[in-house]
Every structure is written in structure tokens, then in C-alpha cells.
Amino acid sequence: MQKQVGALRQAWIVVEREFTRATRADKAGDHVAARAGFAEVLRLEPSPRNRYHELALERLAYAEAAIRDEIQSDLRGLEHLLEAPLEGLRQAELAEAGRLARAVREHPGVTGSQTARVEAAIKVFATRLDAEERVKDALFANDLDACGRLEGQLAFLDAWLPVGAPERKGLSDAQERLGKRLARLASTRRLSEASK
């Protein structure tokens, strides 16, 4: 009898400890760890009449909703950035878009449809950009700032478009042509500043 009481007390301590750990993770904003912890409490204490079971069930639902909200917020931010006018997408915006895309893809709670939304947003951006035509226009205009901005946009696509994606067609050639022109423009600018 005493061994049974000791085993029950030990099991109860494990449930309390796991619940406390999950609660701390939840309060710290680590919803993935909280979700795992509350799921473990439910596994350790399967009785729905137990208070820890009830609380873990409620907080598990909250943690899952928070995870969905985090991912949705990052997805909306990424889509919003990549739908912005192309002239406004500079290095800072592209770096933020890359951060958001990475956050969604690497999130432990991400679903396949959410990953597909990241890829779709990047492909829509690639289609809007039309790298080959933009490079032709930028080279014709001979505008160093426009070429620099376009170089960042092409580098973003190069980093994020899947290998073999049809949107990659002509991307490396466009980058190479633009890189050569940028080097020439920078050299010309240095020479003209040196002659002043």
C-alpha cells in the first residue's frame, strides 16, 4: 500500500513539474514548447476530471492558436512586402521578407499549405519582377540606383526560388548582365568624382 502511495505521489510530482514547465514556456512566448509540455501533461494525466488535465487542455488550445497566429502574421507580412511596388523594395525590405520567409519555413508548427503560401508569394514576386525585362530597362536607363535596387531583388529571388522553378529562367543571365553594368557604372562614377 505504501509503495502504491509513493508511486502515485511520484507520478503526481511529474505531472506538476511538466505543467509548471509548460506554463513557464507559455508565459515566455515559446508556444511550441508549451504545446509539447501541455500535451505531455495530458498523456501523463489522462483523467478529464483532474484539474491539471482540464487546465492543460485549455492551455494547449491557446498555445496552438498562438502558433497559428504567429505563422499567419509572418505570412501576411511576407505577402504584403512582396506585393509592394517594386521601386520600394530595397535591401531592408528584402531582408525583412527573407527573415519572414525563413521564420515561416523553419517554424516547428508550420503546415504544408503555409509553406506553399511562402513559395507562391515568392513566385508571384518573381513574375511581377520579370527579371529579364527589368534588367533590359535598367541597363537602357543606365541608372546606378535602379540597377543596385534590382540587383538586390534578383539576389532575393536567387536565394528563395526553388532550383528548377520556371521563374528562375533567365535569372542567372540577368544577374550576370546587371553585375557587369553595375561594375562599369561604379567605375565611371569613381572616375567622374576623382576628376572634380
C-alpha atoms as a PDB file:
ATOM      1  CA  MET A   1       0.000   0.000   0.000  1.00  0.00           C
ATOM      2  CA  GLN A   2       2.776   2.390   0.940  1.00  0.00           C
ATOM      3  CA  LYS A   3       4.585   1.645  -2.352  1.00  0.00           C
ATOM      4  CA  GLN A   4       1.426   2.471  -4.309  1.00  0.00           C
ATOM      5  CA  VAL A   5       1.040   5.786  -2.482  1.00  0.00           C
ATOM      6  CA  GLY A   6       4.699   6.574  -3.169  1.00  0.00           C
ATOM      7  CA  ALA A   7       4.315   5.741  -6.856  1.00  0.00           C
ATOM      8  CA  LEU A   8       1.182   7.885  -7.118  1.00  0.00           C
ATOM      9  CA  ARG A   9       2.922  10.773  -5.350  1.00  0.00           C
ATOM     10  CA  GLN A  10       5.876  10.414  -7.725  1.00  0.00           C
ATOM     11  CA  ALA A  11       3.564  10.426 -10.770  1.00  0.00           C
ATOM     12  CA  TRP A  12       1.754  13.476  -9.386  1.00  0.00           C
ATOM     13  CA  ILE A  13       5.067  15.324  -8.934  1.00  0.00           C
ATOM     14  CA  VAL A  14       5.974  14.591 -12.575  1.00  0.00           C
ATOM     15  CA  VAL A  15       2.588  15.953 -13.745  1.00  0.00           C
ATOM     16  CA  GLU A  16       3.015  19.114 -11.649  1.00  0.00           C
ATOM     17  CA  ARG A  17       6.586  19.613 -12.847  1.00  0.00           C
ATOM     18  CA  GLU A  18       5.602  19.185 -16.518  1.00  0.00           C
ATOM     19  CA  PHE A  19       2.641  21.536 -16.114  1.00  0.00           C
ATOM     20  CA  THR A  20       4.876  24.179 -14.468  1.00  0.00           C
ATOM     21  CA  ARG A  21       7.489  23.836 -17.231  1.00  0.00           C
ATOM     22  CA  ALA A  22       4.827  24.185 -19.941  1.00  0.00           C
ATOM     23  CA  THR A  23       3.286  27.196 -18.185  1.00  0.00           C
ATOM     24  CA  ARG A  24       6.686  28.922 -17.957  1.00  0.00           C
ATOM     25  CA  ALA A  25       7.325  28.269 -21.646  1.00  0.00           C
ATOM     26  CA  ASP A  26       3.881  29.661 -22.480  1.00  0.00           C
ATOM     27  CA  LYS A  27       4.477  32.818 -20.443  1.00  0.00           C
ATOM     28  CA  ALA A  28       7.876  33.263 -22.110  1.00  0.00           C
ATOM     29  CA  GLY A  29       6.195  33.117 -25.531  1.00  0.00           C
ATOM     30  CA  ASP A  30       7.641  29.732 -26.509  1.00  0.00           C
ATOM     31  CA  HIS A  31       4.323  28.337 -27.647  1.00  0.00           C
ATOM     32  CA  VAL A  32       5.857  25.311 -29.364  1.00  0.00           C
ATOM     33  CA  ALA A  33       7.485  24.136 -26.116  1.00  0.00           C
ATOM     34  CA  ALA A  34       4.283  24.976 -24.226  1.00  0.00           C
ATOM     35  CA  ARG A  35       2.232  22.909 -26.657  1.00  0.00           C
ATOM     36  CA  ALA A  36       4.577  19.940 -26.202  1.00  0.00           C
ATOM     37  CA  GLY A  37       4.500  20.332 -22.413  1.00  0.00           C
ATOM     38  CA  PHE A  38       0.727  20.546 -22.145  1.00  0.00           C
ATOM     39  CA  ALA A  39       0.367  17.549 -24.470  1.00  0.00           C
ATOM     40  CA  GLU A  40       2.717  15.656 -22.156  1.00  0.00           C
ATOM     41  CA  VAL A  41       0.561  16.603 -19.135  1.00  0.00           C
ATOM     42  CA  LEU A  42      -2.465  15.191 -20.949  1.00  0.00           C
ATOM     43  CA  ARG A  43      -0.554  11.995 -21.661  1.00  0.00           C
ATOM     44  CA  LEU A  44       0.625  11.673 -18.041  1.00  0.00           C
ATOM     45  CA  GLU A  45      -2.777  12.557 -16.583  1.00  0.00           C
ATOM     46  CA  PRO A  46      -5.454  11.122 -18.904  1.00  0.00           C
ATOM     47  CA  SER A  47      -8.365  11.642 -16.498  1.00  0.00           C
ATOM     48  CA  PRO A  48     -10.548  14.546 -17.717  1.00  0.00           C
ATOM     49  CA  ARG A  49     -11.773  15.022 -14.139  1.00  0.00           C
ATOM     50  CA  ASN A  50      -8.303  16.011 -12.981  1.00  0.00           C
ATOM     51  CA  ARG A  51      -7.732  19.795 -12.666  1.00  0.00           C
ATOM     52  CA  TYR A  52      -4.290  19.630 -14.315  1.00  0.00           C
ATOM     53  CA  HIS A  53      -5.853  17.769 -17.230  1.00  0.00           C
ATOM     54  CA  GLU A  54      -8.539  20.449 -17.622  1.00  0.00           C
ATOM     55  CA  LEU A  55      -6.031  23.304 -17.431  1.00  0.00           C
ATOM     56  CA  ALA A  56      -3.603  21.597 -19.797  1.00  0.00           C
ATOM     57  CA  LEU A  57      -6.396  21.043 -22.320  1.00  0.00           C
ATOM     58  CA  GLU A  58      -7.354  24.744 -22.206  1.00  0.00           C
ATOM     59  CA  ARG A  59      -3.770  25.976 -22.420  1.00  0.00           C
ATOM     60  CA  LEU A  60      -2.921  23.518 -25.174  1.00  0.00           C
ATOM     61  CA  ALA A  61      -5.707  25.027 -27.285  1.00  0.00           C
ATOM     62  CA  TYR A  62      -4.359  28.524 -26.509  1.00  0.00           C
ATOM     63  CA  ALA A  63      -0.770  27.524 -27.437  1.00  0.00           C
ATOM     64  CA  GLU A  64      -1.925  26.013 -30.732  1.00  0.00           C
ATOM     65  CA  ALA A  65      -3.904  29.165 -31.550  1.00  0.00           C
ATOM     66  CA  ALA A  66      -0.864  31.312 -30.700  1.00  0.00           C
ATOM     67  CA  ILE A  67       1.323  29.209 -33.009  1.00  0.00           C
ATOM     68  CA  ARG A  68      -1.201  29.590 -35.843  1.00  0.00           C
ATOM     69  CA  ASP A  69      -1.338  33.360 -35.210  1.00  0.00           C
ATOM     70  CA  GLU A  70       2.470  33.680 -35.266  1.00  0.00           C
ATOM     71  CA  ILE A  71       2.717  31.870 -38.579  1.00  0.00           C
ATOM     72  CA  GLN A  72      -0.236  33.739 -40.107  1.00  0.00           C
ATOM     73  CA  SER A  73       1.219  37.083 -39.037  1.00  0.00           C
ATOM     74  CA  ASP A  74       4.572  36.270 -40.658  1.00  0.00           C
ATOM     75  CA  LEU A  75       2.824  35.032 -43.813  1.00  0.00           C
ATOM     76  CA  ARG A  76       0.726  38.198 -44.105  1.00  0.00           C
ATOM     77  CA  GLY A  77       3.837  40.328 -43.565  1.00  0.00           C
ATOM     78  CA  LEU A  78       5.740  38.448 -46.270  1.00  0.00           C
ATOM     79  CA  GLU A  79       2.881  38.654 -48.759  1.00  0.00           C
ATOM     80  CA  HIS A  80       2.406  42.362 -48.026  1.00  0.00           C
ATOM     81  CA  LEU A  81       6.095  43.116 -48.567  1.00  0.00           C
ATOM     82  CA  LEU A  82       6.315  41.163 -51.816  1.00  0.00           C
ATOM     83  CA  GLU A  83       3.164  42.831 -53.171  1.00  0.00           C
ATOM     84  CA  ALA A  84       4.613  46.320 -52.593  1.00  0.00           C
ATOM     85  CA  PRO A  85       5.636  48.445 -55.586  1.00  0.00           C
ATOM     86  CA  LEU A  86       8.903  47.115 -56.963  1.00  0.00           C
ATOM     87  CA  GLU A  87      10.571  50.530 -56.725  1.00  0.00           C
ATOM     88  CA  GLY A  88      10.039  50.461 -52.959  1.00  0.00           C
ATOM     89  CA  LEU A  89      11.671  47.088 -52.380  1.00  0.00           C
ATOM     90  CA  ARG A  90      15.168  47.905 -51.248  1.00  0.00           C
ATOM     91  CA  GLN A  91      17.697  45.855 -49.249  1.00  0.00           C
ATOM     92  CA  ALA A  92      15.964  46.424 -45.884  1.00  0.00           C
ATOM     93  CA  GLU A  93      12.560  45.307 -47.158  1.00  0.00           C
ATOM     94  CA  LEU A  94      14.045  42.306 -48.935  1.00  0.00           C
ATOM     95  CA  ALA A  95      15.992  41.341 -45.811  1.00  0.00           C
ATOM     96  CA  GLU A  96      12.746  41.515 -43.820  1.00  0.00           C
ATOM     97  CA  ALA A  97      10.955  39.427 -46.468  1.00  0.00           C
ATOM     98  CA  GLY A  98      13.747  36.851 -46.241  1.00  0.00           C
ATOM     99  CA  ARG A  99      13.510  36.824 -42.440  1.00  0.00           C
ATOM    100  CA  LEU A 100       9.747  36.293 -42.585  1.00  0.00           C
ATOM    101  CA  ALA A 101      10.021  33.541 -45.201  1.00  0.00           C
ATOM    102  CA  ARG A 102      12.667  31.792 -43.104  1.00  0.00           C
ATOM    103  CA  ALA A 103      10.598  32.188 -39.913  1.00  0.00           C
ATOM    104  CA  VAL A 104       7.599  30.532 -41.534  1.00  0.00           C
ATOM    105  CA  ARG A 105       9.535  27.734 -43.235  1.00  0.00           C
ATOM    106  CA  GLU A 106      11.543  26.862 -40.120  1.00  0.00           C
ATOM    107  CA  HIS A 107       8.672  27.177 -37.645  1.00  0.00           C
ATOM    108  CA  PRO A 108       8.063  23.809 -35.965  1.00  0.00           C
ATOM    109  CA  GLY A 109       4.290  24.275 -36.239  1.00  0.00           C
ATOM    110  CA  VAL A 110       4.153  25.131 -39.945  1.00  0.00           C
ATOM    111  CA  THR A 111       1.848  23.185 -42.221  1.00  0.00           C
ATOM    112  CA  GLY A 112       2.389  22.226 -45.846  1.00  0.00           C
ATOM    113  CA  SER A 113      -0.191  24.739 -47.042  1.00  0.00           C
ATOM    114  CA  GLN A 114       1.603  27.536 -45.189  1.00  0.00           C
ATOM    115  CA  THR A 115       4.923  26.588 -46.770  1.00  0.00           C
ATOM    116  CA  ALA A 116       3.148  26.568 -50.140  1.00  0.00           C
ATOM    117  CA  ARG A 117       1.925  30.124 -49.458  1.00  0.00           C
ATOM    118  CA  VAL A 118       5.536  31.250 -48.932  1.00  0.00           C
ATOM    119  CA  GLU A 119       6.571  29.694 -52.232  1.00  0.00           C
ATOM    120  CA  ALA A 120       3.533  31.175 -54.005  1.00  0.00           C
ATOM    121  CA  ALA A 121       4.292  34.682 -52.702  1.00  0.00           C
ATOM    122  CA  ILE A 122       7.884  34.428 -53.916  1.00  0.00           C
ATOM    123  CA  LYS A 123       6.790  33.115 -57.321  1.00  0.00           C
ATOM    124  CA  VAL A 124       4.253  35.940 -57.707  1.00  0.00           C
ATOM    125  CA  PHE A 125       7.030  38.400 -56.878  1.00  0.00           C
ATOM    126  CA  ALA A 126       9.275  36.760 -59.497  1.00  0.00           C
ATOM    127  CA  THR A 127       6.532  37.024 -62.111  1.00  0.00           C
ATOM    128  CA  ARG A 128       5.897  40.684 -61.254  1.00  0.00           C
ATOM    129  CA  LEU A 129       9.604  41.452 -61.373  1.00  0.00           C
ATOM    130  CA  ASP A 130      10.154  39.830 -64.802  1.00  0.00           C
ATOM    131  CA  ALA A 131      13.936  39.816 -64.333  1.00  0.00           C
ATOM    132  CA  GLU A 132      14.991  39.792 -67.971  1.00  0.00           C
ATOM    133  CA  GLU A 133      12.795  42.764 -68.939  1.00  0.00           C
ATOM    134  CA  ARG A 134      13.680  44.755 -65.811  1.00  0.00           C
ATOM    135  CA  VAL A 135      17.372  44.270 -66.448  1.00  0.00           C
ATOM    136  CA  LYS A 136      16.972  45.443 -70.057  1.00  0.00           C
ATOM    137  CA  ASP A 137      15.138  48.570 -68.847  1.00  0.00           C
ATOM    138  CA  ALA A 138      17.682  49.266 -66.106  1.00  0.00           C
ATOM    139  CA  LEU A 139      20.612  48.822 -68.491  1.00  0.00           C
ATOM    140  CA  PHE A 140      18.991  51.131 -71.023  1.00  0.00           C
ATOM    141  CA  ALA A 141      18.335  53.802 -68.378  1.00  0.00           C
ATOM    142  CA  ASN A 142      21.919  53.498 -67.099  1.00  0.00           C
ATOM    143  CA  ASP A 143      20.680  54.387 -63.589  1.00  0.00           C
ATOM    144  CA  LEU A 144      23.059  53.196 -60.837  1.00  0.00           C
ATOM    145  CA  ASP A 145      20.424  53.371 -58.072  1.00  0.00           C
ATOM    146  CA  ALA A 146      17.822  51.441 -60.090  1.00  0.00           C
ATOM    147  CA  CYS A 147      20.454  48.848 -61.022  1.00  0.00           C
ATOM    148  CA  GLY A 148      21.509  48.494 -57.375  1.00  0.00           C
ATOM    149  CA  ARG A 149      17.918  48.028 -56.236  1.00  0.00           C
ATOM    150  CA  LEU A 150      17.322  45.480 -58.997  1.00  0.00           C
ATOM    151  CA  GLU A 151      20.497  43.616 -58.027  1.00  0.00           C
ATOM    152  CA  GLY A 152      19.083  43.129 -54.505  1.00  0.00           C
ATOM    153  CA  GLN A 153      15.749  41.946 -55.872  1.00  0.00           C
ATOM    154  CA  LEU A 154      17.437  39.424 -58.169  1.00  0.00           C
ATOM    155  CA  ALA A 155      19.631  38.179 -55.303  1.00  0.00           C
ATOM    156  CA  PHE A 156      16.486  37.677 -53.194  1.00  0.00           C
ATOM    157  CA  LEU A 157      14.913  35.583 -55.953  1.00  0.00           C
ATOM    158  CA  ASP A 158      18.122  33.627 -56.428  1.00  0.00           C
ATOM    159  CA  ALA A 159      18.149  32.784 -52.723  1.00  0.00           C
ATOM    160  CA  TRP A 160      14.462  31.886 -52.393  1.00  0.00           C
ATOM    161  CA  LEU A 161      13.204  30.442 -55.679  1.00  0.00           C
ATOM    162  CA  PRO A 162      13.406  26.638 -55.713  1.00  0.00           C
ATOM    163  CA  VAL A 163      16.003  25.148 -58.055  1.00  0.00           C
ATOM    164  CA  GLY A 164      14.318  24.183 -61.310  1.00  0.00           C
ATOM    165  CA  ALA A 165      11.397  26.588 -60.853  1.00  0.00           C
ATOM    166  CA  PRO A 166      10.260  28.027 -64.197  1.00  0.00           C
ATOM    167  CA  GLU A 167      10.518  31.528 -62.684  1.00  0.00           C
ATOM    168  CA  ARG A 168      14.299  31.002 -62.491  1.00  0.00           C
ATOM    169  CA  LYS A 169      14.562  31.044 -66.285  1.00  0.00           C
ATOM    170  CA  GLY A 170      16.991  33.750 -67.288  1.00  0.00           C
ATOM    171  CA  LEU A 171      17.714  34.786 -63.689  1.00  0.00           C
ATOM    172  CA  SER A 172      21.449  33.988 -63.721  1.00  0.00           C
ATOM    173  CA  ASP A 173      21.945  35.666 -67.086  1.00  0.00           C
ATOM    174  CA  ALA A 174      20.100  38.742 -65.852  1.00  0.00           C
ATOM    175  CA  GLN A 175      22.235  38.821 -62.703  1.00  0.00           C
ATOM    176  CA  GLU A 176      25.426  38.488 -64.700  1.00  0.00           C
ATOM    177  CA  ARG A 177      24.491  41.278 -67.147  1.00  0.00           C
ATOM    178  CA  LEU A 178      23.432  43.544 -64.313  1.00  0.00           C
ATOM    179  CA  GLY A 179      26.591  42.817 -62.306  1.00  0.00           C
ATOM    180  CA  LYS A 180      28.802  43.800 -65.243  1.00  0.00           C
ATOM    181  CA  ARG A 181      26.880  47.045 -65.768  1.00  0.00           C
ATOM    182  CA  LEU A 182      26.994  47.897 -62.072  1.00  0.00           C
ATOM    183  CA  ALA A 183      30.756  47.434 -62.045  1.00  0.00           C
ATOM    184  CA  ARG A 184      31.060  49.728 -65.079  1.00  0.00           C
ATOM    185  CA  LEU A 185      28.709  52.353 -63.596  1.00  0.00           C
ATOM    186  CA  ALA A 186      30.550  52.342 -60.273  1.00  0.00           C
ATOM    187  CA  SER A 187      33.879  52.706 -62.069  1.00  0.00           C
ATOM    188  CA  THR A 188      32.542  55.604 -64.162  1.00  0.00           C
ATOM    189  CA  ARG A 189      31.163  57.298 -61.048  1.00  0.00           C
ATOM    190  CA  ARG A 190      34.513  56.965 -59.239  1.00  0.00           C
ATOM    191  CA  LEU A 191      36.367  58.413 -62.249  1.00  0.00           C
ATOM    192  CA  SER A 192      33.977  61.347 -62.556  1.00  0.00           C
ATOM    193  CA  GLU A 193      34.242  62.103 -58.816  1.00  0.00           C
ATOM    194  CA  ALA A 194      38.032  61.877 -58.976  1.00  0.00           C
ATOM    195  CA  SER A 195      38.172  64.340 -61.864  1.00  0.00           C
ATOM    196  CA  LYS A 196      36.202  67.014 -59.959  1.00  0.00           C
END
